[in-house]
Amino acid sequence: MSYDAITIGELSARTGVSVRALRHYEQNGLIAAVRTTAGHRRFAPTAVEDVRRIRLFLDAGMPLAVVARVVECFVDDGVHLHACVADALREHLDVVQQRIDDLDDQRRTLNRLQELVAV
């Protein structure tokens, strides 16, 4: 184990992601940890950037299963995304747009119903 390995608490503090979420990411193969002889998790310092990249996709509302497939698409030291992610992004954007359209319809219906309220 490298001397610069970090604990799950340190990873949480550096990324703002809860320890529970980090364990979930590890269980789903998004980040990797090695275990000390005492069973404590230790992460490579690069895990900080890995978690930040994972959060970008999750913050966009992408499902964890999709994130697991596309998080490796970062290239150029994480500055760009490889084209391998384009289809997943487009598909998710379509889903988000449909939800927005549905919410717009709901808002219009609620506005019509509000107009029917007798005061």
Protein backbone atom coordinates (compact mmCIF):
# COMPACT_ATOMS: atom_id res chain seq x y z
CA MET A 1 0.00 0.00 0.00
CA SER A 2 1.27 3.43 -0.92
CA TYR A 3 2.21 5.85 1.83
CA ASP A 4 -0.03 8.51 0.27
CA ALA A 5 -3.20 6.37 0.35
CA ILE A 6 -6.15 8.15 1.92
CA THR A 7 -8.89 6.94 4.20
CA ILE A 8 -12.55 6.92 3.29
CA GLY A 9 -13.07 9.81 5.74
CA GLU A 10 -10.38 11.84 3.99
CA LEU A 11 -11.90 11.03 0.60
CA SER A 12 -15.28 12.13 1.90
CA ALA A 13 -13.85 15.40 3.24
CA ARG A 14 -12.01 16.17 0.00
CA THR A 15 -14.97 15.46 -2.26
CA GLY A 16 -17.97 16.42 -0.14
CA VAL A 17 -19.46 12.97 -0.78
CA SER A 18 -20.71 11.01 2.22
CA VAL A 19 -18.86 7.95 3.44
CA ARG A 20 -22.03 5.93 2.81
CA ALA A 21 -22.14 7.06 -0.83
CA LEU A 22 -18.44 6.27 -1.27
CA ARG A 23 -19.05 2.74 0.02
CA HIS A 24 -21.91 2.45 -2.47
CA TYR A 25 -19.64 3.61 -5.31
CA GLU A 26 -17.07 1.03 -4.27
CA GLN A 27 -19.67 -1.76 -4.12
CA ASN A 28 -20.74 -0.84 -7.65
CA GLY A 29 -17.18 -0.87 -8.98
CA LEU A 30 -16.92 2.88 -9.57
CA ILE A 31 -13.96 3.34 -7.23
CA ALA A 32 -11.48 0.87 -5.83
CA ALA A 33 -10.02 0.55 -2.37
CA VAL A 34 -7.44 -1.70 -0.85
CA ARG A 35 -7.88 -2.99 2.67
CA THR A 36 -5.39 -2.70 5.47
CA THR A 37 -4.70 -5.72 7.63
CA ALA A 38 -7.25 -4.24 10.02
CA GLY A 39 -9.82 -4.14 7.20
CA HIS A 40 -9.87 -0.36 6.75
CA ARG A 41 -10.33 1.03 3.25
CA ARG A 42 -7.52 3.01 1.67
CA PHE A 43 -7.87 4.85 -1.62
CA ALA A 44 -5.31 6.16 -4.05
CA PRO A 45 -5.13 9.97 -4.13
CA THR A 46 -6.50 9.78 -7.68
CA ALA A 47 -9.81 8.62 -6.18
CA VAL A 48 -10.57 12.27 -5.39
CA GLU A 49 -10.76 13.12 -9.08
CA ASP A 50 -12.55 9.84 -9.83
CA VAL A 51 -15.29 10.74 -7.34
CA ARG A 52 -15.60 14.24 -8.79
CA ARG A 53 -16.09 12.77 -12.25
CA ILE A 54 -18.66 10.30 -10.96
CA ARG A 55 -20.53 13.18 -9.28
CA LEU A 56 -20.68 15.10 -12.58
CA PHE A 57 -22.71 12.31 -14.13
CA LEU A 58 -24.81 11.68 -11.02
CA ASP A 59 -25.53 15.40 -10.64
CA ALA A 60 -26.85 15.29 -14.20
CA GLY A 61 -29.31 12.65 -12.97
CA MET A 62 -27.74 9.75 -14.81
CA PRO A 63 -28.40 6.32 -13.30
CA LEU A 64 -25.51 4.65 -11.49
CA ALA A 65 -25.48 1.76 -13.96
CA VAL A 66 -24.94 4.20 -16.82
CA VAL A 67 -22.30 6.11 -14.86
CA ALA A 68 -20.40 2.86 -14.36
CA ARG A 69 -20.28 2.45 -18.13
CA VAL A 70 -19.30 5.98 -19.10
CA VAL A 71 -17.12 7.32 -16.32
CA GLU A 72 -14.08 5.82 -18.02
CA CYS A 73 -14.74 7.98 -21.09
CA PHE A 74 -12.76 10.92 -19.72
CA VAL A 75 -9.64 11.57 -21.81
CA ASP A 76 -6.84 14.14 -21.92
CA ASP A 77 -6.28 13.95 -18.16
CA GLY A 78 -10.00 14.37 -17.56
CA VAL A 79 -10.35 17.56 -19.57
CA HIS A 80 -12.56 16.04 -22.31
CA LEU A 81 -14.99 13.21 -22.80
CA HIS A 82 -14.44 10.58 -25.47
CA ALA A 83 -17.19 10.18 -28.04
CA CYS A 84 -18.08 6.84 -26.42
CA VAL A 85 -20.25 8.77 -23.97
CA ALA A 86 -22.21 10.74 -26.59
CA ASP A 87 -25.05 8.25 -27.01
CA ALA A 88 -25.59 7.87 -23.27
CA LEU A 89 -25.63 11.66 -22.82
CA ARG A 90 -28.04 12.15 -25.71
CA GLU A 91 -30.37 9.43 -24.43
CA HIS A 92 -30.39 10.88 -20.92
CA LEU A 93 -30.95 14.38 -22.26
CA ASP A 94 -33.98 13.05 -24.15
CA VAL A 95 -35.33 11.55 -20.91
CA VAL A 96 -34.76 14.83 -19.04
CA GLN A 97 -36.43 16.83 -21.81
CA GLN A 98 -39.45 14.52 -21.70
CA ARG A 99 -39.73 15.04 -17.94
CA ILE A 100 -39.51 18.81 -18.45
CA ASP A 101 -42.25 18.63 -21.09
CA ASP A 102 -44.41 16.54 -18.75
CA LEU A 103 -43.89 19.05 -15.93
CA ASP A 104 -44.80 21.92 -18.27
CA ASP A 105 -48.04 20.09 -19.12
CA GLN A 106 -48.75 19.60 -15.43
CA ARG A 107 -48.10 23.28 -14.71
CA ARG A 108 -50.48 24.34 -17.48
CA THR A 109 -53.17 22.00 -16.15
CA LEU A 110 -52.69 23.29 -12.61
CA ASN A 111 -52.98 26.86 -13.85
CA ARG A 112 -56.25 25.97 -15.62
CA LEU A 113 -57.54 24.31 -12.45
CA GLN A 114 -56.56 27.33 -10.38
CA GLU A 115 -58.63 29.52 -12.69
CA LEU A 116 -61.65 27.38 -11.81
CA VAL A 117 -61.34 28.01 -8.09
CA ALA A 118 -64.24 30.09 -6.84
CA VAL A 119 -63.19 32.88 -4.55
